Amino acid sequence: MFIVACILINCIILSLYDPFDDDSEGWRNSIIEAAEIPFAVIFAIEMVVKIVAMDFIGSKSYLSDAWNWLDFIVVVTG
């Protein structure tokens, strides 16, 4: 439930980003960019815990589930 709440909060925060803000150091965009670091850390920790618990490759492992592939790609690229 904690990770799902983090995902929802992160989506809401990302939706508030204004790409057309003329001031590149606007207060709203600066807060949003700063908020991304804790979320990236939370998602990376979640991924590492799942990999340790399930193993990385093999049957019934982390990468045997398509959702975990998506999670892995998003966390690594983030």
C-alpha atoms as a PDB file:
ATOM      1  CA  MET A   1       0.000   0.000   0.000  1.00  0.00           C
ATOM      2  CA  PHE A   2       2.905   2.344   0.759  1.00  0.00           C
ATOM      3  CA  ILE A   3       4.405   1.963  -2.726  1.00  0.00           C
ATOM      4  CA  VAL A   4       1.019   2.432  -4.405  1.00  0.00           C
ATOM      5  CA  ALA A   5       0.497   5.618  -2.378  1.00  0.00           C
ATOM      6  CA  CYS A   6       3.967   6.821  -3.406  1.00  0.00           C
ATOM      7  CA  ILE A   7       3.168   6.138  -7.063  1.00  0.00           C
ATOM      8  CA  LEU A   8      -0.095   8.077  -6.842  1.00  0.00           C
ATOM      9  CA  ILE A   9       1.513  11.020  -5.034  1.00  0.00           C
ATOM     10  CA  ASN A  10       4.382  11.043  -7.535  1.00  0.00           C
ATOM     11  CA  CYS A  11       1.908  11.109 -10.444  1.00  0.00           C
ATOM     12  CA  ILE A  12       0.066  14.038  -8.899  1.00  0.00           C
ATOM     13  CA  ILE A  13       3.304  15.937  -8.328  1.00  0.00           C
ATOM     14  CA  LEU A  14       4.479  15.253 -11.891  1.00  0.00           C
ATOM     15  CA  SER A  15       1.160  16.509 -13.272  1.00  0.00           C
ATOM     16  CA  LEU A  16       1.792  19.878 -11.590  1.00  0.00           C
ATOM     17  CA  TYR A  17       5.052  20.437 -13.525  1.00  0.00           C
ATOM     18  CA  ASP A  18       4.823  23.389 -15.934  1.00  0.00           C
ATOM     19  CA  PRO A  19       7.088  22.868 -18.973  1.00  0.00           C
ATOM     20  CA  PHE A  20       6.132  26.275 -20.362  1.00  0.00           C
ATOM     21  CA  ASP A  21       7.293  28.203 -17.290  1.00  0.00           C
ATOM     22  CA  ASP A  22       9.485  31.005 -18.674  1.00  0.00           C
ATOM     23  CA  ASP A  23      11.400  31.250 -15.400  1.00  0.00           C
ATOM     24  CA  SER A  24      13.547  28.102 -15.402  1.00  0.00           C
ATOM     25  CA  GLU A  25      14.051  28.502 -11.661  1.00  0.00           C
ATOM     26  CA  GLY A  26      10.370  28.937 -10.829  1.00  0.00           C
ATOM     27  CA  TRP A  27       9.427  27.951  -7.292  1.00  0.00           C
ATOM     28  CA  ARG A  28       6.842  25.363  -8.323  1.00  0.00           C
ATOM     29  CA  ASN A  29       9.085  23.517 -10.777  1.00  0.00           C
ATOM     30  CA  SER A  30      12.020  23.665  -8.338  1.00  0.00           C
ATOM     31  CA  ILE A  31       9.939  22.018  -5.601  1.00  0.00           C
ATOM     32  CA  ILE A  32       8.721  19.354  -8.020  1.00  0.00           C
ATOM     33  CA  GLU A  33      12.261  18.563  -9.194  1.00  0.00           C
ATOM     34  CA  ALA A  34      13.470  18.334  -5.589  1.00  0.00           C
ATOM     35  CA  ALA A  35      10.599  15.982  -4.716  1.00  0.00           C
ATOM     36  CA  GLU A  36      11.678  13.528  -7.417  1.00  0.00           C
ATOM     37  CA  ILE A  37      14.845  12.484  -5.577  1.00  0.00           C
ATOM     38  CA  PRO A  38      13.109  10.956  -2.541  1.00  0.00           C
ATOM     39  CA  PHE A  39      10.645   9.140  -4.790  1.00  0.00           C
ATOM     40  CA  ALA A  40      13.461   7.724  -6.921  1.00  0.00           C
ATOM     41  CA  VAL A  41      15.198   6.486  -3.771  1.00  0.00           C
ATOM     42  CA  ILE A  42      11.997   4.884  -2.446  1.00  0.00           C
ATOM     43  CA  PHE A  43      11.353   3.103  -5.744  1.00  0.00           C
ATOM     44  CA  ALA A  44      14.982   1.938  -5.992  1.00  0.00           C
ATOM     45  CA  ILE A  45      14.869   0.535  -2.453  1.00  0.00           C
ATOM     46  CA  GLU A  46      11.624  -1.268  -3.268  1.00  0.00           C
ATOM     47  CA  MET A  47      13.213  -2.798  -6.359  1.00  0.00           C
ATOM     48  CA  VAL A  48      16.329  -3.948  -4.474  1.00  0.00           C
ATOM     49  CA  VAL A  49      14.248  -5.498  -1.690  1.00  0.00           C
ATOM     50  CA  LYS A  50      12.161  -7.400  -4.229  1.00  0.00           C
ATOM     51  CA  ILE A  51      15.276  -8.601  -6.057  1.00  0.00           C
ATOM     52  CA  VAL A  52      16.861  -9.823  -2.818  1.00  0.00           C
ATOM     53  CA  ALA A  53      13.645 -11.550  -1.749  1.00  0.00           C
ATOM     54  CA  MET A  54      12.809 -13.141  -5.112  1.00  0.00           C
ATOM     55  CA  ASP A  55      16.234 -13.530  -6.793  1.00  0.00           C
ATOM     56  CA  PHE A  56      16.978 -11.659 -10.017  1.00  0.00           C
ATOM     57  CA  ILE A  57      16.786 -14.290 -12.773  1.00  0.00           C
ATOM     58  CA  GLY A  58      15.146 -17.707 -12.836  1.00  0.00           C
ATOM     59  CA  SER A  59      11.726 -19.219 -12.332  1.00  0.00           C
ATOM     60  CA  LYS A  60       9.607 -17.336  -9.788  1.00  0.00           C
ATOM     61  CA  SER A  61      12.231 -14.556  -9.792  1.00  0.00           C
ATOM     62  CA  TYR A  62      11.973 -10.788 -10.052  1.00  0.00           C
ATOM     63  CA  LEU A  63      12.327 -10.707 -13.834  1.00  0.00           C
ATOM     64  CA  SER A  64       9.874 -13.553 -14.404  1.00  0.00           C
ATOM     65  CA  ASP A  65       6.991 -11.079 -13.992  1.00  0.00           C
ATOM     66  CA  ALA A  66       6.258  -8.542 -16.743  1.00  0.00           C
ATOM     67  CA  TRP A  67       5.235  -5.863 -14.209  1.00  0.00           C
ATOM     68  CA  ASN A  68       8.628  -6.177 -12.562  1.00  0.00           C
ATOM     69  CA  TRP A  69      10.285  -5.708 -15.961  1.00  0.00           C
ATOM     70  CA  LEU A  70       8.393  -2.428 -16.290  1.00  0.00           C
ATOM     71  CA  ASP A  71       9.339  -1.481 -12.718  1.00  0.00           C
ATOM     72  CA  PHE A  72      13.003  -2.308 -13.388  1.00  0.00           C
ATOM     73  CA  ILE A  73      13.142  -0.256 -16.602  1.00  0.00           C
ATOM     74  CA  VAL A  74      11.435   2.765 -15.007  1.00  0.00           C
ATOM     75  CA  VAL A  75      13.670   2.725 -11.914  1.00  0.00           C
ATOM     76  CA  VAL A  76      16.903   2.250 -13.877  1.00  0.00           C
ATOM     77  CA  THR A  77      16.090   4.980 -16.397  1.00  0.00           C
ATOM     78  CA  GLY A  78      14.868   7.298 -13.627  1.00  0.00           C
END
